[in-house]
Amino acid sequence: MIVKMRNELASIDRLIYRVEVIMETSFIPAAYHICVLSIIAVLSILMFTKMDPYYEGILLFGSVAFVLISLLMLIKDMDNPFEHGKNSAGGCRF
């Protein structure tokens, strides 16, 4: 019984160590800057591009902006998957 309990404690220790490594690993800060600069470049190019049907151009610009900004928010949220509270983007509160 004691041997089995020690084995279970060892597996729990391994899981805790894995979670700590995942929590401490951060995304490269330069990648955030590259992502933000590319989003700004794409949106500024789209903003100054002449599109004939005005409303279709606004719809295209809005949809592209929505997708790019939501991907940036997803990257920031995935950088710290165990964060909870008012700073997290997830809806699950413990």
Protein backbone atom coordinates (compact mmCIF):
# COMPACT_ATOMS: atom_id res chain seq x y z
CA MET A 1 0.00 0.00 0.00
CA ILE A 2 2.81 2.40 0.87
CA VAL A 3 4.65 1.64 -2.39
CA LYS A 4 1.53 2.38 -4.40
CA MET A 5 1.01 5.65 -2.52
CA ARG A 6 4.62 6.68 -3.19
CA ASN A 7 4.16 5.94 -6.90
CA GLU A 8 1.02 8.07 -6.98
CA LEU A 9 2.81 10.91 -5.17
CA ALA A 10 5.64 10.71 -7.71
CA SER A 11 3.19 10.98 -10.60
CA ILE A 12 1.49 13.95 -8.91
CA ASP A 13 4.90 15.61 -8.50
CA ARG A 14 5.62 15.10 -12.21
CA LEU A 15 2.28 16.65 -13.16
CA ILE A 16 2.87 19.64 -10.88
CA TYR A 17 6.32 20.12 -12.38
CA ARG A 18 4.86 20.05 -15.92
CA VAL A 19 2.23 22.63 -15.01
CA GLU A 20 4.87 24.90 -13.46
CA VAL A 21 7.03 24.66 -16.58
CA ILE A 22 4.06 25.51 -18.79
CA MET A 23 3.15 28.47 -16.57
CA GLU A 24 6.69 29.88 -16.54
CA THR A 25 7.28 29.47 -20.28
CA SER A 26 6.40 32.71 -22.01
CA PHE A 27 5.95 33.65 -25.61
CA ILE A 28 8.81 35.55 -27.21
CA PRO A 29 8.18 39.28 -26.65
CA ALA A 30 9.61 40.09 -30.09
CA ALA A 31 6.89 37.92 -31.64
CA TYR A 32 4.24 40.13 -30.03
CA HIS A 33 5.84 43.21 -31.55
CA ILE A 34 6.13 41.57 -34.96
CA CYS A 35 2.48 40.51 -34.76
CA VAL A 36 1.31 44.00 -33.76
CA LEU A 37 3.40 45.68 -36.48
CA SER A 38 2.11 43.31 -39.14
CA ILE A 39 -1.49 43.90 -38.06
CA ILE A 40 -0.96 47.67 -38.19
CA ALA A 41 0.67 47.37 -41.63
CA VAL A 42 -2.13 45.23 -43.07
CA LEU A 43 -4.88 47.45 -41.65
CA SER A 44 -3.20 50.66 -42.82
CA ILE A 45 -2.76 49.22 -46.32
CA LEU A 46 -6.42 48.23 -46.36
CA MET A 47 -7.44 51.64 -45.05
CA PHE A 48 -5.72 53.49 -47.88
CA THR A 49 -6.76 51.07 -50.61
CA LYS A 50 -9.48 52.36 -52.90
CA MET A 51 -12.43 49.99 -53.00
CA ASP A 52 -15.24 50.76 -55.42
CA PRO A 53 -18.32 49.64 -53.52
CA TYR A 54 -17.93 51.67 -50.32
CA TYR A 55 -20.02 49.46 -48.07
CA GLU A 56 -18.35 46.27 -49.26
CA GLY A 57 -14.98 47.86 -48.55
CA ILE A 58 -16.07 48.75 -45.02
CA LEU A 59 -17.33 45.19 -44.52
CA LEU A 60 -14.05 43.73 -45.82
CA PHE A 61 -11.96 46.05 -43.64
CA GLY A 62 -14.05 45.31 -40.56
CA SER A 63 -13.92 41.56 -41.02
CA VAL A 64 -10.16 41.51 -41.60
CA ALA A 65 -9.60 43.79 -38.59
CA PHE A 66 -11.82 41.59 -36.43
CA VAL A 67 -9.98 38.40 -37.40
CA LEU A 68 -6.49 39.86 -36.94
CA ILE A 69 -7.23 41.50 -33.60
CA SER A 70 -8.96 38.38 -32.29
CA LEU A 71 -5.93 36.29 -33.30
CA LEU A 72 -3.68 38.68 -31.38
CA MET A 73 -5.92 38.37 -28.32
CA LEU A 74 -5.86 34.58 -28.68
CA ILE A 75 -2.05 34.56 -28.80
CA LYS A 76 -1.90 36.67 -25.64
CA ASP A 77 -4.39 34.41 -23.89
CA MET A 78 -2.60 31.23 -24.93
CA ASP A 79 0.67 32.62 -23.59
CA ASN A 80 -0.58 32.08 -20.04
CA PRO A 81 -3.13 29.26 -20.18
CA PHE A 82 -3.60 28.94 -16.41
CA GLU A 83 -4.38 32.60 -15.73
CA HIS A 84 -7.76 33.28 -14.23
CA GLY A 85 -9.42 36.35 -12.87
CA LYS A 86 -10.13 39.74 -14.32
CA ASN A 87 -6.99 39.74 -16.53
CA SER A 88 -7.85 36.53 -18.35
CA ALA A 89 -9.79 36.42 -21.59
CA GLY A 90 -11.53 33.13 -20.74
CA GLY A 91 -15.00 32.99 -19.34
CA CYS A 92 -14.33 30.24 -16.79
CA ARG A 93 -13.96 31.57 -13.26
CA PHE A 94 -12.99 29.34 -10.34
